[in-house]
Amino acid sequence: MPDHLPYNPLLAARLMRLVLTGLVAVVLLVFTFAAWRSIQPGYVGIIFDKASHKVTTGALNPGWAFINPFTQAIQQYPVTIQTYPMVQNSTEGPVRGDDSIKIQSNEGQQINLDVVIQYQVEKEKASELYTDWGGAPIDQVEDGVVRQYTRSEVPVVCAKYGWEEITSSKRGEIVEKISGILTEEFERRHLKLISFGVREVHLPDSLQAALNQKIQAQQASERQTYLLAQAKVQADQDVTKATGEAKGAIARAQGDAQAILTKATAQATANELLSQSLTAPLIQYEGLQQWDGQLPLFTGGGATPLIDVTRLVQPTATTTETTGTAQ
């Protein structure tokens, strides 16, 4: 058996073609994987051409994107609302530990504020953002714009107010002013401020004690005011009730008096009518109606003349006897 096969040029050429084909396939496969990029949902892609040093106009939507991996690079920016908190003693946000904003009131009192910022990258301005920041990722943009401008502007605004105003009475006004300033600063840097809020105010122990005392005093005053108001309401109700009862009594008395007057007037009218209707024959008739047949023959006494009652009861008989006697 020979030590080696004889050289075959045709076979060697075929092997070379197979090797070159495999290499080309591998290169193409690597290039294909390197050329395809996936843009995540909620993001846009910005393509930078390294050869021309220009940014591709417009932003790529979520999905697959094809680039030249040798001459182009792609950067993704979120276009959804982003939340950036800066708070004390918390694991929230990019900085661990105390990341609250330190401010001073106009009395020189040091106060710490927990703040939360919500912002958004505007899709139409993502290319400009990429250019201004040299293709920096979003976390660097957050640190350079959201964090730095917030931490510089908040103390400036708060320094114009007293600690009690910062804590409660002017808190809304302060938030409104800071929001206006940050809105302008963000817009100049191709970001949109969605909201700025003060989550909590951290006071030194001495100020916190003074604030607690004031709150207790206010609550006591409000309770006293409430009790006085309730007492006034009760007094007004009592006065109203007494007035109503007095008016009722007066009305009843007036009604009784009117009834008595009406009754007396009616009685007087009846008496007058009765007196006008009484005549001598009527009186005699009424007397006969009341007679029971047992009356004495004569009645009267003293200076009153005697009346012969028989003339009332037997007028005919008396007349006959008198006539006979006369005869």
Protein backbone atom coordinates (compact mmCIF):
# COMPACT_ATOMS: atom_id res chain seq x y z
CA MET A 1 0.00 0.00 0.00
CA PRO A 2 1.52 3.38 -0.96
CA ASP A 3 2.50 5.88 1.78
CA HIS A 4 0.48 8.73 0.15
CA LEU A 5 -2.11 9.25 -2.57
CA PRO A 6 -0.97 10.68 -5.82
CA TYR A 7 -1.66 14.42 -6.32
CA ASN A 8 -4.92 15.09 -8.11
CA PRO A 9 -5.29 18.67 -9.32
CA LEU A 10 -9.03 18.35 -9.89
CA LEU A 11 -9.64 17.04 -6.41
CA ALA A 12 -7.50 19.76 -4.92
CA ALA A 13 -9.44 22.44 -6.83
CA ARG A 14 -12.72 21.04 -5.61
CA LEU A 15 -11.52 21.02 -2.02
CA MET A 16 -10.36 24.60 -2.34
CA ARG A 17 -13.73 25.69 -3.70
CA LEU A 18 -15.49 23.94 -0.83
CA VAL A 19 -13.29 25.69 1.72
CA LEU A 20 -13.79 29.09 0.09
CA THR A 21 -17.55 28.53 -0.10
CA GLY A 22 -17.63 27.64 3.58
CA LEU A 23 -15.62 30.68 4.48
CA VAL A 24 -17.88 32.91 2.44
CA ALA A 25 -20.94 31.37 4.07
CA VAL A 26 -19.49 31.95 7.53
CA VAL A 27 -18.56 35.54 6.67
CA LEU A 28 -22.02 36.16 5.27
CA LEU A 29 -23.64 34.61 8.31
CA VAL A 30 -21.51 36.71 10.66
CA PHE A 31 -22.19 39.83 8.61
CA THR A 32 -25.90 39.09 8.61
CA PHE A 33 -26.03 38.71 12.38
CA ALA A 34 -23.92 41.84 12.77
CA ALA A 35 -26.06 43.85 10.37
CA TRP A 36 -29.44 43.12 11.92
CA ARG A 37 -30.47 45.10 14.97
CA SER A 38 -33.59 44.76 17.09
CA ILE A 39 -35.16 48.01 18.32
CA GLN A 40 -37.08 47.38 21.55
CA PRO A 41 -40.73 48.38 22.03
CA GLY A 42 -40.98 51.89 23.45
CA TYR A 43 -37.66 52.92 21.85
CA VAL A 44 -36.52 54.54 18.63
CA GLY A 45 -33.27 53.87 16.81
CA ILE A 46 -30.86 56.55 15.58
CA ILE A 47 -28.30 55.49 12.91
CA PHE A 48 -24.93 57.22 12.68
CA ASP A 49 -22.81 56.87 9.55
CA LYS A 50 -19.14 56.70 10.54
CA ALA A 51 -17.89 57.37 7.03
CA SER A 52 -19.90 60.56 6.43
CA HIS A 53 -20.07 61.55 10.13
CA LYS A 54 -23.77 62.20 9.78
CA VAL A 55 -26.89 61.07 11.57
CA THR A 56 -29.56 59.40 9.49
CA THR A 57 -32.62 61.61 9.19
CA GLY A 58 -35.55 60.39 11.25
CA ALA A 59 -35.81 57.65 13.85
CA LEU A 60 -36.39 53.96 13.33
CA ASN A 61 -39.47 52.42 14.89
CA PRO A 62 -39.41 49.28 17.07
CA GLY A 63 -38.62 46.10 15.18
CA TRP A 64 -35.77 44.78 13.04
CA ALA A 65 -33.35 47.25 11.42
CA PHE A 66 -30.55 46.55 8.92
CA ILE A 67 -27.29 48.52 9.10
CA ASN A 68 -23.77 48.25 7.74
CA PRO A 69 -21.85 47.08 10.81
CA PHE A 70 -18.56 48.34 9.35
CA THR A 71 -19.64 51.94 8.67
CA GLN A 72 -22.77 52.48 10.76
CA ALA A 73 -23.77 52.45 14.45
CA ILE A 74 -27.20 52.55 16.02
CA GLN A 75 -28.30 54.09 19.34
CA GLN A 76 -31.67 53.52 20.99
CA TYR A 77 -33.57 56.10 23.06
CA PRO A 78 -36.78 55.47 25.05
CA VAL A 79 -39.76 57.53 23.97
CA THR A 80 -42.03 56.37 26.80
CA ILE A 81 -42.38 58.36 30.04
CA GLN A 82 -39.33 57.93 32.27
CA THR A 83 -39.35 58.41 36.06
CA TYR A 84 -36.30 59.75 37.85
CA PRO A 85 -36.55 59.90 41.68
CA MET A 86 -34.11 61.64 44.01
CA VAL A 87 -35.08 60.64 47.55
CA GLN A 88 -33.60 60.08 51.01
CA ASN A 89 -32.79 56.68 52.49
CA SER A 90 -34.23 54.65 49.68
CA THR A 91 -33.23 52.15 47.04
CA GLU A 92 -35.19 54.04 44.40
CA GLY A 93 -33.47 55.69 41.48
CA PRO A 94 -29.95 55.33 40.09
CA VAL A 95 -28.22 56.46 43.31
CA ARG A 96 -28.46 54.34 46.44
CA GLY A 97 -28.72 55.88 49.91
CA ASP A 98 -29.49 59.55 50.53
CA ASP A 99 -30.06 61.20 47.16
CA SER A 100 -32.47 63.90 48.33
CA ILE A 101 -31.90 67.53 47.35
CA LYS A 102 -30.44 69.75 50.09
CA ILE A 103 -31.81 73.28 50.19
CA GLN A 104 -31.79 76.27 52.54
CA SER A 105 -34.78 78.42 53.46
CA ASN A 106 -34.55 82.20 53.57
CA GLU A 107 -33.95 81.87 57.34
CA GLY A 108 -30.89 79.70 56.66
CA GLN A 109 -32.53 76.45 57.78
CA GLN A 110 -31.28 73.35 55.95
CA ILE A 111 -34.00 71.11 54.59
CA ASN A 112 -33.96 67.97 52.45
CA LEU A 113 -36.52 67.40 49.72
CA ASP A 114 -37.57 64.12 48.11
CA VAL A 115 -38.42 64.92 44.49
CA VAL A 116 -39.61 62.87 41.52
CA ILE A 117 -39.27 63.94 37.89
CA GLN A 118 -41.06 62.43 34.94
CA TYR A 119 -39.77 63.24 31.46
CA GLN A 120 -39.91 61.95 27.91
CA VAL A 121 -37.66 61.92 24.82
CA GLU A 122 -39.60 63.41 21.94
CA LYS A 123 -39.43 61.07 18.96
CA GLU A 124 -39.14 63.91 16.44
CA LYS A 125 -36.12 65.33 18.29
CA ALA A 126 -34.29 62.08 19.01
CA SER A 127 -31.78 62.72 16.20
CA GLU A 128 -30.96 66.16 17.60
CA LEU A 129 -30.57 64.65 21.05
CA TYR A 130 -28.13 62.11 19.64
CA THR A 131 -26.13 64.84 17.89
CA ASP A 132 -25.99 67.21 20.91
CA TRP A 133 -24.91 64.44 23.24
CA GLY A 134 -22.55 62.73 20.84
CA GLY A 135 -24.53 59.52 20.75
CA ALA A 136 -24.45 59.14 24.54
CA PRO A 137 -26.91 56.61 26.02
CA ILE A 138 -29.99 57.75 27.89
CA ASP A 139 -28.48 57.29 31.36
CA GLN A 140 -25.82 59.89 30.57
CA VAL A 141 -28.48 62.25 29.24
CA GLU A 142 -30.49 61.75 32.46
CA ASP A 143 -27.48 62.58 34.59
CA GLY A 144 -26.52 65.61 32.51
CA VAL A 145 -29.99 67.12 32.10
CA VAL A 146 -32.59 65.68 34.44
CA ARG A 147 -30.40 65.28 37.49
CA GLN A 148 -28.04 68.23 37.19
CA TYR A 149 -30.58 70.90 36.27
CA THR A 150 -33.05 69.72 38.88
CA ARG A 151 -30.46 69.74 41.65
CA SER A 152 -29.28 73.21 40.65
CA GLU A 153 -32.64 74.93 40.15
CA VAL A 154 -34.58 73.57 43.14
CA PRO A 155 -32.32 75.22 45.80
CA VAL A 156 -32.42 78.56 43.94
CA VAL A 157 -36.21 78.70 44.00
CA CYS A 158 -36.60 77.40 47.56
CA ALA A 159 -34.11 79.92 48.96
CA LYS A 160 -36.75 82.64 48.46
CA TYR A 161 -39.19 81.02 50.92
CA GLY A 162 -39.36 80.35 54.64
CA TRP A 163 -39.21 76.83 55.98
CA GLU A 164 -42.90 76.82 56.92
CA GLU A 165 -43.83 77.99 53.42
CA ILE A 166 -41.68 75.25 51.88
CA THR A 167 -43.29 72.69 54.17
CA SER A 168 -46.92 73.58 53.62
CA SER A 169 -48.38 76.97 52.76
CA LYS A 170 -46.38 77.76 49.58
CA ARG A 171 -45.47 74.23 48.55
CA GLY A 172 -47.75 74.23 45.51
CA GLU A 173 -46.42 77.60 44.37
CA ILE A 174 -42.83 76.38 44.68
CA VAL A 175 -43.54 73.24 42.65
CA GLU A 176 -45.21 75.34 39.95
CA LYS A 177 -42.22 77.69 39.64
CA ILE A 178 -39.69 74.85 39.50
CA SER A 179 -41.79 73.05 36.89
CA GLY A 180 -41.79 76.15 34.70
CA ILE A 181 -38.00 76.51 34.86
CA LEU A 182 -37.30 72.82 34.22
CA THR A 183 -39.75 72.76 31.31
CA GLU A 184 -37.71 75.44 29.52
CA GLU A 185 -34.36 73.81 30.34
CA PHE A 186 -35.51 70.38 29.17
CA GLU A 187 -36.98 71.70 25.93
CA ARG A 188 -33.69 73.34 24.98
CA ARG A 189 -32.11 69.92 25.33
CA HIS A 190 -34.76 68.00 23.37
CA LEU A 191 -36.54 66.54 26.39
CA LYS A 192 -40.11 67.07 27.53
CA LEU A 193 -40.92 67.53 31.22
CA ILE A 194 -44.05 65.58 32.13
CA SER A 195 -44.19 66.43 35.83
CA PHE A 196 -42.16 67.58 38.80
CA GLY A 197 -43.25 66.85 42.36
CA VAL A 198 -42.03 67.17 45.92
CA ARG A 199 -42.80 63.86 47.56
CA GLU A 200 -41.65 64.67 51.09
CA VAL A 201 -39.95 67.42 53.11
CA HIS A 202 -37.37 66.33 55.70
CA LEU A 203 -36.90 68.87 58.51
CA PRO A 204 -34.26 68.97 61.27
CA ASP A 205 -35.50 67.64 64.61
CA SER A 206 -35.87 71.13 66.11
CA LEU A 207 -38.01 72.37 63.22
CA GLN A 208 -40.04 69.18 63.18
CA ALA A 209 -40.82 69.61 66.90
CA ALA A 210 -41.86 73.23 66.32
CA LEU A 211 -44.02 72.19 63.39
CA ASN A 212 -45.71 69.46 65.45
CA GLN A 213 -46.51 71.96 68.21
CA LYS A 214 -47.95 74.39 65.70
CA ILE A 215 -50.08 71.68 64.14
CA GLN A 216 -51.38 70.65 67.57
CA ALA A 217 -52.19 74.28 68.41
CA GLN A 218 -53.99 74.70 65.10
CA GLN A 219 -55.97 71.53 65.67
CA ALA A 220 -56.95 72.70 69.17
CA SER A 221 -57.96 76.08 67.79
CA GLU A 222 -59.97 74.49 65.02
CA ARG A 223 -61.70 72.23 67.54
CA GLN A 224 -62.52 75.21 69.76
CA THR A 225 -63.88 77.08 66.77
CA TYR A 226 -65.96 74.03 65.88
CA LEU A 227 -67.35 73.78 69.43
CA LEU A 228 -68.19 77.49 69.47
CA ALA A 229 -69.93 77.13 66.14
CA GLN A 230 -71.90 74.16 67.44
CA ALA A 231 -72.85 76.12 70.57
CA LYS A 232 -74.01 79.04 68.43
CA VAL A 233 -76.04 76.72 66.27
CA GLN A 234 -77.65 75.18 69.38
CA ALA A 235 -78.35 78.64 70.82
CA ASP A 236 -79.89 79.75 67.55
CA GLN A 237 -82.03 76.63 67.55
CA ASP A 238 -83.13 77.30 71.15
CA VAL A 239 -83.97 80.92 70.31
CA THR A 240 -85.89 79.83 67.26
CA LYS A 241 -87.75 77.21 69.28
CA ALA A 242 -88.58 79.69 72.09
CA THR A 243 -89.65 82.31 69.58
CA GLY A 244 -91.86 79.77 67.87
CA GLU A 245 -93.41 78.70 71.16
CA ALA A 246 -93.99 82.33 72.20
CA LYS A 247 -95.56 83.14 68.87
CA GLY A 248 -97.70 80.02 69.24
CA ALA A 249 -98.83 81.06 72.72
CA ILE A 250 -99.62 84.58 71.49
CA ALA A 251 -101.52 83.17 68.57
CA ARG A 252 -103.49 80.85 70.84
CA ALA A 253 -104.26 83.70 73.25
CA GLN A 254 -105.33 85.92 70.39
CA GLY A 255 -107.45 83.09 69.09
CA ASP A 256 -109.08 82.55 72.50
CA ALA A 257 -109.69 86.27 72.90
CA GLN A 258 -111.15 86.50 69.43
CA ALA A 259 -113.37 83.51 70.19
CA ILE A 260 -114.59 85.10 73.43
CA LEU A 261 -115.19 88.40 71.65
CA THR A 262 -117.03 86.67 68.87
CA LYS A 263 -119.13 84.73 71.36
CA ALA A 264 -119.90 87.85 73.40
CA THR A 265 -120.78 89.79 70.25
CA ALA A 266 -123.05 87.01 69.15
CA GLN A 267 -124.69 86.85 72.59
CA ALA A 268 -125.20 90.59 72.69
CA THR A 269 -126.71 90.52 69.24
CA ALA A 270 -129.00 87.68 70.33
CA ASN A 271 -130.01 89.53 73.47
CA GLU A 272 -130.77 92.66 71.49
CA LEU A 273 -132.85 90.72 69.03
CA LEU A 274 -134.60 88.95 71.90
CA SER A 275 -135.38 92.18 73.73
CA GLN A 276 -136.80 93.66 70.56
CA SER A 277 -139.06 90.66 70.07
CA LEU A 278 -140.48 90.58 73.63
CA THR A 279 -144.06 91.95 73.86
CA ALA A 280 -146.67 91.81 76.63
CA PRO A 281 -148.79 89.13 74.96
CA LEU A 282 -145.64 87.10 74.22
CA ILE A 283 -144.54 87.34 77.83
CA GLN A 284 -148.05 86.25 78.99
CA TYR A 285 -147.90 83.39 76.50
CA GLU A 286 -144.51 82.24 77.67
CA GLY A 287 -145.75 82.43 81.26
CA LEU A 288 -148.72 80.24 80.48
CA GLN A 289 -146.42 77.77 78.75
CA GLN A 290 -144.43 77.44 81.95
CA TRP A 291 -147.48 77.27 84.33
CA ASP A 292 -148.18 73.89 86.01
CA GLY A 293 -151.64 74.82 87.37
CA GLN A 294 -150.44 75.24 91.00
CA LEU A 295 -149.78 78.97 91.06
CA PRO A 296 -151.48 81.03 93.81
CA LEU A 297 -154.40 83.20 92.94
CA PHE A 298 -152.52 86.34 93.90
CA THR A 299 -148.92 87.07 93.62
CA GLY A 300 -146.74 90.02 94.33
CA GLY A 301 -145.65 91.69 97.50
CA GLY A 302 -144.35 94.83 98.97
CA ALA A 303 -144.88 97.79 96.75
CA THR A 304 -145.81 95.62 93.80
CA PRO A 305 -149.52 95.82 93.03
CA LEU A 306 -151.56 92.66 93.47
CA ILE A 307 -152.55 90.94 90.29
CA ASP A 308 -155.65 88.80 90.01
CA VAL A 309 -154.29 85.69 88.34
CA THR A 310 -157.79 84.33 87.81
CA ARG A 311 -158.24 86.93 85.13
CA LEU A 312 -155.38 85.27 83.25
CA VAL A 313 -156.66 81.74 83.57
CA GLN A 314 -160.45 82.22 83.61
CA PRO A 315 -161.26 85.44 81.87
CA THR A 316 -164.65 84.29 80.63
CA ALA A 317 -165.94 83.06 83.99
CA THR A 318 -164.91 86.23 85.74
CA THR A 319 -166.65 88.34 83.19
CA THR A 320 -169.91 86.35 83.52
CA GLU A 321 -169.95 86.58 87.30
CA THR A 322 -169.39 90.25 87.20
CA THR A 323 -172.23 90.73 84.75
CA GLY A 324 -174.68 88.70 86.85
CA THR A 325 -173.91 90.61 89.97
CA ALA A 326 -174.53 93.77 88.23
CA GLN A 327 -177.93 92.65 87.25
